[in-house]
Amino acid sequence: MAAARKVAILGGGKIGESLLGGLLSSGWREPGEVVVTGRREERVAELAERYGVPVTLANAEAVDGAGLIVVSVKPQDIETLLQELTGHVVPEQTVLSVAAAIPTAAIERRLAGEIPVVRAMPNAPSTVHEGIAGICAGAHANDEHMRLAEETLAHLGAVVRVP
């Protein structure tokens, strides 16, 4: 199903752009299958031009129909982002958070329903696709969600599951 292949990257900063570049350069996703959000019109326009992907300032719009939602915002921006997403994310979607210092339980509490959340902790070399990321499952994430997170993050480097 085409909609399940859609990836929404919420936050087009360094890690978000690095993941975008990895997904596209590997051929794992085509530009039309990825949407990227940002807070500034200039930044999303730059990403659209550089990668040929759809962009938006509206996070809730971006997650519509996405199989995978990557949360790639700074910790101080997570509360605002989750407020925007409440009621727009459904249990059939997987949320992969690379937001620093934000536990899965904090995200799960803010989103309505039993949303599968996987937390990832990529390191700085991930921005040049030579990193390593530790991942762990939230309360509603199963092995299928973990495999999707592993497959996604493998485009930035090695991935290790952490209990």
N, C-alpha and C. Protein backbone atom coordinates (compact mmCIF):
# COMPACT_ATOMS: atom_id res chain seq x y z
N MET A 1 0.85 -1.18 0.00
CA MET A 1 0.00 0.00 0.00
C MET A 1 0.89 1.24 0.00
N ALA A 2 0.65 2.16 -0.91
CA ALA A 2 1.49 3.34 -1.09
C ALA A 2 1.49 4.25 0.13
N ALA A 3 0.36 4.43 0.77
CA ALA A 3 0.27 5.33 1.92
C ALA A 3 1.17 4.85 3.05
N ALA A 4 1.27 3.53 3.25
CA ALA A 4 2.10 3.00 4.32
C ALA A 4 3.58 3.28 4.07
N ARG A 5 3.96 3.53 2.83
CA ARG A 5 5.35 3.84 2.52
C ARG A 5 5.70 5.30 2.83
N LYS A 6 4.69 6.11 3.05
CA LYS A 6 4.94 7.53 3.32
C LYS A 6 5.66 7.69 4.65
N VAL A 7 6.70 8.51 4.63
CA VAL A 7 7.47 8.84 5.83
C VAL A 7 7.32 10.33 6.06
N ALA A 8 6.92 10.70 7.27
CA ALA A 8 6.84 12.11 7.66
C ALA A 8 7.99 12.39 8.61
N ILE A 9 8.89 13.28 8.21
CA ILE A 9 10.00 13.69 9.07
C ILE A 9 9.63 15.04 9.65
N LEU A 10 9.32 15.04 10.95
CA LEU A 10 8.89 16.25 11.62
C LEU A 10 10.10 16.92 12.24
N GLY A 11 10.60 17.92 11.54
CA GLY A 11 11.81 18.61 11.98
C GLY A 11 12.92 18.40 10.97
N GLY A 12 13.13 19.40 10.13
CA GLY A 12 14.13 19.30 9.07
C GLY A 12 15.47 19.90 9.46
N GLY A 13 15.90 19.69 10.70
CA GLY A 13 17.21 20.15 11.15
C GLY A 13 18.31 19.20 10.70
N LYS A 14 19.42 19.16 11.44
CA LYS A 14 20.57 18.35 11.04
C LYS A 14 20.26 16.85 10.98
N ILE A 15 19.69 16.31 12.04
CA ILE A 15 19.39 14.87 12.04
C ILE A 15 18.27 14.56 11.04
N GLY A 16 17.23 15.39 11.01
CA GLY A 16 16.13 15.17 10.06
C GLY A 16 16.62 15.21 8.62
N GLU A 17 17.46 16.18 8.30
CA GLU A 17 17.98 16.26 6.93
C GLU A 17 18.92 15.10 6.64
N SER A 18 19.72 14.69 7.61
CA SER A 18 20.61 13.55 7.40
C SER A 18 19.81 12.29 7.11
N LEU A 19 18.75 12.07 7.87
CA LEU A 19 17.91 10.90 7.62
C LEU A 19 17.26 10.99 6.26
N LEU A 20 16.75 12.13 5.92
CA LEU A 20 16.15 12.35 4.60
C LEU A 20 17.15 12.00 3.49
N GLY A 21 18.36 12.53 3.59
CA GLY A 21 19.38 12.25 2.59
C GLY A 21 19.69 10.77 2.48
N GLY A 22 19.77 10.09 3.63
CA GLY A 22 20.06 8.65 3.63
C GLY A 22 18.94 7.83 3.02
N LEU A 23 17.70 8.17 3.34
CA LEU A 23 16.56 7.43 2.80
C LEU A 23 16.48 7.57 1.29
N LEU A 24 16.76 8.77 0.80
CA LEU A 24 16.67 9.01 -0.65
C LEU A 24 17.87 8.46 -1.40
N SER A 25 19.08 8.69 -0.89
CA SER A 25 20.28 8.25 -1.61
C SER A 25 20.38 6.73 -1.69
N SER A 26 19.81 6.04 -0.72
CA SER A 26 19.83 4.58 -0.74
C SER A 26 18.75 4.00 -1.64
N GLY A 27 17.77 4.84 -2.02
CA GLY A 27 16.66 4.35 -2.83
C GLY A 27 15.57 3.69 -2.00
N TRP A 28 15.70 3.73 -0.66
CA TRP A 28 14.69 3.12 0.20
C TRP A 28 13.36 3.83 0.07
N ARG A 29 13.40 5.12 -0.17
CA ARG A 29 12.20 5.91 -0.43
C ARG A 29 12.48 6.87 -1.57
N GLU A 30 11.42 7.17 -2.33
CA GLU A 30 11.48 8.16 -3.40
C GLU A 30 11.07 9.51 -2.81
N PRO A 31 11.48 10.62 -3.44
CA PRO A 31 11.12 11.94 -2.90
C PRO A 31 9.63 12.13 -2.65
N GLY A 32 8.77 11.58 -3.48
CA GLY A 32 7.34 11.75 -3.29
C GLY A 32 6.77 10.96 -2.12
N GLU A 33 7.58 10.07 -1.53
CA GLU A 33 7.12 9.24 -0.41
C GLU A 33 7.52 9.82 0.95
N VAL A 34 8.20 10.95 0.94
CA VAL A 34 8.68 11.57 2.17
C VAL A 34 8.20 13.01 2.22
N VAL A 35 7.70 13.42 3.38
CA VAL A 35 7.35 14.82 3.59
C VAL A 35 8.14 15.30 4.80
N VAL A 36 8.63 16.53 4.72
CA VAL A 36 9.44 17.09 5.80
C VAL A 36 8.79 18.38 6.29
N THR A 37 8.82 18.55 7.62
CA THR A 37 8.28 19.78 8.19
C THR A 37 9.40 20.60 8.82
N GLY A 38 9.08 21.84 9.03
CA GLY A 38 9.99 22.75 9.71
C GLY A 38 9.21 23.90 10.27
N ARG A 39 9.91 24.77 10.99
CA ARG A 39 9.24 25.93 11.60
C ARG A 39 9.38 27.18 10.74
N ARG A 40 10.38 27.17 9.85
CA ARG A 40 10.64 28.36 9.04
C ARG A 40 10.45 28.07 7.56
N GLU A 41 9.72 28.94 6.89
CA GLU A 41 9.44 28.79 5.46
C GLU A 41 10.73 28.68 4.65
N GLU A 42 11.74 29.47 5.00
CA GLU A 42 13.02 29.43 4.24
C GLU A 42 13.66 28.06 4.33
N ARG A 43 13.63 27.45 5.51
CA ARG A 43 14.27 26.14 5.69
C ARG A 43 13.55 25.05 4.91
N VAL A 44 12.23 25.01 4.99
CA VAL A 44 11.52 23.95 4.26
C VAL A 44 11.65 24.16 2.75
N ALA A 45 11.70 25.41 2.31
CA ALA A 45 11.90 25.68 0.87
C ALA A 45 13.27 25.18 0.42
N GLU A 46 14.27 25.37 1.27
CA GLU A 46 15.63 24.89 0.96
C GLU A 46 15.65 23.37 0.83
N LEU A 47 14.97 22.67 1.75
CA LEU A 47 14.91 21.20 1.70
C LEU A 47 14.15 20.72 0.46
N ALA A 48 13.07 21.41 0.13
CA ALA A 48 12.29 21.03 -1.06
C ALA A 48 13.14 21.16 -2.31
N GLU A 49 13.89 22.24 -2.40
CA GLU A 49 14.73 22.45 -3.59
C GLU A 49 15.87 21.45 -3.65
N ARG A 50 16.51 21.21 -2.52
CA ARG A 50 17.68 20.31 -2.49
C ARG A 50 17.30 18.85 -2.74
N TYR A 51 16.15 18.40 -2.19
CA TYR A 51 15.80 16.98 -2.25
C TYR A 51 14.58 16.66 -3.10
N GLY A 52 13.82 17.66 -3.50
CA GLY A 52 12.63 17.41 -4.31
C GLY A 52 11.49 16.75 -3.56
N VAL A 53 11.44 16.97 -2.25
CA VAL A 53 10.40 16.36 -1.42
C VAL A 53 9.31 17.38 -1.10
N PRO A 54 8.11 16.89 -0.82
CA PRO A 54 7.07 17.80 -0.33
C PRO A 54 7.45 18.30 1.06
N VAL A 55 7.14 19.53 1.35
CA VAL A 55 7.43 20.13 2.65
C VAL A 55 6.20 20.90 3.13
N THR A 56 6.15 21.12 4.44
CA THR A 56 5.05 21.89 5.02
C THR A 56 5.47 22.42 6.37
N LEU A 57 4.79 23.45 6.81
CA LEU A 57 4.97 23.96 8.17
C LEU A 57 3.96 23.31 9.12
N ALA A 58 3.01 22.54 8.57
CA ALA A 58 1.92 21.94 9.33
C ALA A 58 2.22 20.47 9.66
N ASN A 59 2.60 20.22 10.90
CA ASN A 59 2.94 18.85 11.32
C ASN A 59 1.75 17.90 11.22
N ALA A 60 0.58 18.35 11.62
CA ALA A 60 -0.61 17.49 11.58
C ALA A 60 -0.94 17.08 10.14
N GLU A 61 -0.74 17.99 9.21
CA GLU A 61 -0.97 17.69 7.79
C GLU A 61 0.05 16.66 7.30
N ALA A 62 1.28 16.78 7.74
CA ALA A 62 2.35 15.89 7.28
C ALA A 62 2.13 14.44 7.69
N VAL A 63 1.56 14.20 8.88
CA VAL A 63 1.41 12.82 9.37
C VAL A 63 0.25 12.08 8.73
N ASP A 64 -0.65 12.79 8.07
CA ASP A 64 -1.81 12.16 7.46
C ASP A 64 -1.37 11.13 6.43
N GLY A 65 -1.71 9.87 6.65
CA GLY A 65 -1.39 8.80 5.71
C GLY A 65 0.03 8.27 5.79
N ALA A 66 0.82 8.75 6.74
CA ALA A 66 2.20 8.27 6.87
C ALA A 66 2.22 6.95 7.64
N GLY A 67 3.02 6.01 7.18
CA GLY A 67 3.22 4.77 7.91
C GLY A 67 4.23 4.97 9.03
N LEU A 68 5.18 5.87 8.80
CA LEU A 68 6.24 6.15 9.76
C LEU A 68 6.31 7.66 9.99
N ILE A 69 6.32 8.04 11.25
CA ILE A 69 6.44 9.44 11.64
C ILE A 69 7.72 9.57 12.44
N VAL A 70 8.67 10.35 11.93
CA VAL A 70 9.94 10.55 12.62
C VAL A 70 9.88 11.90 13.33
N VAL A 71 10.03 11.87 14.64
CA VAL A 71 10.04 13.08 15.45
C VAL A 71 11.49 13.49 15.63
N SER A 72 11.86 14.58 14.97
CA SER A 72 13.24 15.03 14.95
C SER A 72 13.32 16.51 15.30
N VAL A 73 12.81 16.83 16.49
CA VAL A 73 12.83 18.22 16.95
C VAL A 73 13.67 18.32 18.22
N LYS A 74 14.04 19.53 18.56
CA LYS A 74 14.79 19.77 19.79
C LYS A 74 13.87 19.52 20.99
N PRO A 75 14.44 19.07 22.11
CA PRO A 75 13.61 18.77 23.28
C PRO A 75 12.69 19.92 23.71
N GLN A 76 13.14 21.14 23.58
CA GLN A 76 12.31 22.27 24.00
C GLN A 76 11.12 22.49 23.07
N ASP A 77 11.10 21.85 21.90
CA ASP A 77 10.00 21.99 20.95
C ASP A 77 9.03 20.82 20.96
N ILE A 78 9.33 19.78 21.77
CA ILE A 78 8.53 18.56 21.71
C ILE A 78 7.10 18.78 22.19
N GLU A 79 6.90 19.55 23.22
CA GLU A 79 5.55 19.74 23.76
C GLU A 79 4.63 20.39 22.73
N THR A 80 5.12 21.42 22.06
CA THR A 80 4.33 22.09 21.02
C THR A 80 4.01 21.13 19.89
N LEU A 81 5.00 20.35 19.47
CA LEU A 81 4.80 19.38 18.39
C LEU A 81 3.73 18.36 18.78
N LEU A 82 3.83 17.80 19.97
CA LEU A 82 2.89 16.77 20.39
C LEU A 82 1.48 17.33 20.54
N GLN A 83 1.35 18.58 20.95
CA GLN A 83 0.02 19.21 20.99
C GLN A 83 -0.59 19.26 19.60
N GLU A 84 0.23 19.60 18.60
CA GLU A 84 -0.24 19.65 17.22
C GLU A 84 -0.66 18.28 16.71
N LEU A 85 0.00 17.22 17.18
CA LEU A 85 -0.25 15.87 16.68
C LEU A 85 -1.38 15.13 17.38
N THR A 86 -1.74 15.57 18.58
CA THR A 86 -2.77 14.87 19.35
C THR A 86 -4.05 14.73 18.53
N GLY A 87 -4.49 13.47 18.40
CA GLY A 87 -5.69 13.17 17.63
C GLY A 87 -5.44 12.96 16.14
N HIS A 88 -4.21 13.19 15.68
CA HIS A 88 -3.88 13.02 14.26
C HIS A 88 -3.05 11.78 13.99
N VAL A 89 -2.51 11.17 15.04
CA VAL A 89 -1.70 9.97 14.90
C VAL A 89 -2.56 8.79 15.33
N VAL A 90 -2.53 7.71 14.53
CA VAL A 90 -3.36 6.53 14.80
C VAL A 90 -2.47 5.32 15.09
N PRO A 91 -3.02 4.30 15.76
CA PRO A 91 -2.22 3.12 16.13
C PRO A 91 -1.60 2.36 14.95
N GLU A 92 -2.10 2.58 13.74
CA GLU A 92 -1.52 1.91 12.57
C GLU A 92 -0.22 2.57 12.11
N GLN A 93 0.12 3.70 12.70
CA GLN A 93 1.35 4.41 12.37
C GLN A 93 2.41 4.09 13.42
N THR A 94 3.67 4.23 13.03
CA THR A 94 4.78 4.06 13.96
C THR A 94 5.44 5.41 14.16
N VAL A 95 5.64 5.79 15.41
CA VAL A 95 6.35 7.03 15.73
C VAL A 95 7.77 6.65 16.13
N LEU A 96 8.73 7.20 15.43
CA LEU A 96 10.15 7.00 15.72
C LEU A 96 10.70 8.33 16.20
N SER A 97 11.05 8.40 17.47
CA SER A 97 11.54 9.66 18.03
C SER A 97 13.06 9.67 18.14
N VAL A 98 13.68 10.67 17.55
CA VAL A 98 15.11 10.90 17.72
C VAL A 98 15.32 12.17 18.54
N ALA A 99 14.26 12.64 19.17
CA ALA A 99 14.33 13.83 20.03
C ALA A 99 15.11 13.48 21.29
N ALA A 100 16.14 14.22 21.57
CA ALA A 100 17.01 13.94 22.72
C ALA A 100 16.27 14.08 24.04
N ALA A 101 16.55 13.16 24.94
CA ALA A 101 16.10 13.22 26.34
C ALA A 101 14.58 13.12 26.53
N ILE A 102 13.84 12.67 25.53
CA ILE A 102 12.38 12.54 25.66
C ILE A 102 12.03 11.05 25.69
N PRO A 103 11.62 10.53 26.84
CA PRO A 103 11.28 9.10 26.92
C PRO A 103 10.01 8.75 26.13
N THR A 104 9.90 7.50 25.75
CA THR A 104 8.72 7.04 25.01
C THR A 104 7.44 7.31 25.79
N ALA A 105 7.47 7.11 27.09
CA ALA A 105 6.26 7.30 27.91
C ALA A 105 5.74 8.73 27.81
N ALA A 106 6.62 9.70 27.72
CA ALA A 106 6.20 11.10 27.61
C ALA A 106 5.45 11.34 26.30
N ILE A 107 5.91 10.71 25.24
CA ILE A 107 5.25 10.85 23.94
C ILE A 107 3.92 10.11 23.95
N GLU A 108 3.93 8.88 24.48
CA GLU A 108 2.72 8.08 24.54
C GLU A 108 1.61 8.78 25.33
N ARG A 109 1.97 9.44 26.43
CA ARG A 109 0.96 10.15 27.25
C ARG A 109 0.28 11.27 26.47
N ARG A 110 1.00 11.92 25.57
CA ARG A 110 0.47 13.07 24.85
C ARG A 110 -0.36 12.69 23.63
N LEU A 111 -0.10 11.53 23.05
CA LEU A 111 -0.82 11.10 21.86
C LEU A 111 -2.00 10.22 22.27
N ALA A 112 -3.15 10.42 21.66
CA ALA A 112 -4.35 9.66 22.01
C ALA A 112 -4.26 8.24 21.45
N GLY A 113 -4.60 7.25 22.26
CA GLY A 113 -4.63 5.87 21.80
C GLY A 113 -3.34 5.13 22.07
N GLU A 114 -3.30 3.88 21.65
CA GLU A 114 -2.13 3.03 21.86
C GLU A 114 -1.18 3.15 20.67
N ILE A 115 -0.50 4.27 20.63
CA ILE A 115 0.40 4.58 19.52
C ILE A 115 1.75 3.91 19.74
N PRO A 116 2.23 3.13 18.76
CA PRO A 116 3.56 2.53 18.90
C PRO A 116 4.66 3.60 18.74
N VAL A 117 5.48 3.71 19.79
CA VAL A 117 6.57 4.67 19.79
C VAL A 117 7.88 3.92 19.98
N VAL A 118 8.86 4.24 19.14
CA VAL A 118 10.21 3.70 19.27
C VAL A 118 11.13 4.89 19.47
N ARG A 119 11.97 4.80 20.48
CA ARG A 119 12.91 5.88 20.77
C ARG A 119 14.27 5.49 20.22
N ALA A 120 14.91 6.45 19.58
CA ALA A 120 16.25 6.23 19.03
C ALA A 120 17.20 7.29 19.56
N MET A 121 18.42 6.89 19.74
CA MET A 121 19.45 7.82 20.19
C MET A 121 20.62 7.73 19.21
N PRO A 122 20.53 8.46 18.09
CA PRO A 122 21.66 8.45 17.15
C PRO A 122 22.78 9.35 17.68
N ASN A 123 24.01 9.05 17.26
CA ASN A 123 25.12 9.91 17.69
C ASN A 123 25.53 10.85 16.56
N ALA A 124 26.41 11.78 16.86
CA ALA A 124 26.78 12.84 15.91
C ALA A 124 27.26 12.32 14.54
N PRO A 125 28.07 11.25 14.46
CA PRO A 125 28.49 10.78 13.14
C PRO A 125 27.34 10.33 12.24
N SER A 126 26.15 10.17 12.81
CA SER A 126 24.99 9.80 12.00
C SER A 126 24.69 10.85 10.94
N THR A 127 25.08 12.09 11.20
CA THR A 127 24.81 13.15 10.22
C THR A 127 25.61 12.96 8.94
N VAL A 128 26.65 12.13 8.98
CA VAL A 128 27.41 11.81 7.76
C VAL A 128 27.30 10.32 7.44
N HIS A 129 26.24 9.68 7.96
CA HIS A 129 25.90 8.28 7.70
C HIS A 129 26.97 7.30 8.16
N GLU A 130 27.68 7.66 9.24
CA GLU A 130 28.72 6.80 9.81
C GLU A 130 28.50 6.60 11.30
N GLY A 131 27.27 6.72 11.74
CA GLY A 131 26.98 6.69 13.17
C GLY A 131 26.48 5.36 13.66
N ILE A 132 25.98 5.42 14.87
CA ILE A 132 25.32 4.27 15.49
C ILE A 132 24.15 4.82 16.29
N ALA A 133 23.07 4.07 16.30
CA ALA A 133 21.89 4.50 17.05
C ALA A 133 21.41 3.35 17.92
N GLY A 134 21.13 3.66 19.17
CA GLY A 134 20.48 2.70 20.05
C GLY A 134 18.98 2.94 19.97
N ILE A 135 18.19 1.87 19.93
CA ILE A 135 16.73 2.02 19.88
C ILE A 135 16.09 1.18 20.96
N CYS A 136 14.93 1.66 21.44
CA CYS A 136 14.16 0.88 22.40
C CYS A 136 12.68 1.08 22.11
N ALA A 137 11.89 0.08 22.46
CA ALA A 137 10.45 0.10 22.19
C ALA A 137 9.70 0.73 23.35
N GLY A 138 8.67 1.48 23.00
CA GLY A 138 7.75 1.99 24.00
C GLY A 138 6.72 0.91 24.35
N ALA A 139 5.75 1.28 25.16
CA ALA A 139 4.77 0.33 25.68
C ALA A 139 3.93 -0.35 24.60
N HIS A 140 3.70 0.31 23.47
CA HIS A 140 2.81 -0.24 22.44
C HIS A 140 3.56 -0.67 21.17
N ALA A 141 4.87 -0.60 21.20
CA ALA A 141 5.67 -0.98 20.03
C ALA A 141 6.07 -2.44 20.13
N ASN A 142 5.91 -3.16 19.01
CA ASN A 142 6.27 -4.57 18.99
C ASN A 142 7.47 -4.77 18.05
N ASP A 143 7.78 -6.03 17.76
CA ASP A 143 8.95 -6.34 16.94
C ASP A 143 8.84 -5.74 15.53
N GLU A 144 7.63 -5.69 14.99
CA GLU A 144 7.43 -5.10 13.66
C GLU A 144 7.80 -3.61 13.66
N HIS A 145 7.42 -2.90 14.69
CA HIS A 145 7.75 -1.48 14.80
C HIS A 145 9.26 -1.29 14.98
N MET A 146 9.86 -2.17 15.76
CA MET A 146 11.32 -2.10 15.97
C MET A 146 12.06 -2.37 14.66
N ARG A 147 11.59 -3.34 13.88
CA ARG A 147 12.23 -3.64 12.59
C ARG A 147 12.14 -2.44 11.65
N LEU A 148 10.99 -1.76 11.63
CA LEU A 148 10.84 -0.58 10.80
C LEU A 148 11.81 0.51 11.24
N ALA A 149 11.95 0.71 12.54
CA ALA A 149 12.91 1.71 13.05
C ALA A 149 14.34 1.33 12.67
N GLU A 150 14.68 0.06 12.81
CA GLU A 150 16.02 -0.41 12.44
C GLU A 150 16.29 -0.18 10.95
N GLU A 151 15.33 -0.55 10.14
CA GLU A 151 15.48 -0.39 8.69
C GLU A 151 15.65 1.09 8.32
N THR A 152 14.91 1.94 8.98
CA THR A 152 14.99 3.38 8.71
C THR A 152 16.34 3.93 9.13
N LEU A 153 16.74 3.67 10.35
CA LEU A 153 17.96 4.24 10.90
C LEU A 153 19.23 3.63 10.31
N ALA A 154 19.11 2.46 9.69
CA ALA A 154 20.28 1.83 9.07
C ALA A 154 20.88 2.72 7.98
N HIS A 155 20.10 3.68 7.50
CA HIS A 155 20.60 4.59 6.47
C HIS A 155 21.50 5.68 7.06
N LEU A 156 21.63 5.70 8.40
CA LEU A 156 22.54 6.63 9.07
C LEU A 156 23.74 5.93 9.68
N GLY A 157 23.72 4.60 9.67
CA GLY A 157 24.80 3.84 10.28
C GLY A 157 24.24 2.59 10.95
N ALA A 158 24.99 2.07 11.91
CA ALA A 158 24.61 0.85 12.62
C ALA A 158 23.46 1.15 13.60
N VAL A 159 22.69 0.10 13.91
CA VAL A 159 21.56 0.21 14.84
C VAL A 159 21.65 -0.94 15.84
N VAL A 160 21.46 -0.61 17.13
CA VAL A 160 21.51 -1.59 18.20
C VAL A 160 20.24 -1.48 19.03
N ARG A 161 19.60 -2.63 19.30
CA ARG A 161 18.42 -2.62 20.17
C ARG A 161 18.88 -2.58 21.63
N VAL A 162 18.21 -1.75 22.40
CA VAL A 162 18.49 -1.61 23.82
C VAL A 162 17.20 -1.91 24.58
N PRO A 163 17.27 -2.81 25.60
CA PRO A 163 16.03 -3.13 26.34
C PRO A 163 15.47 -1.91 27.08
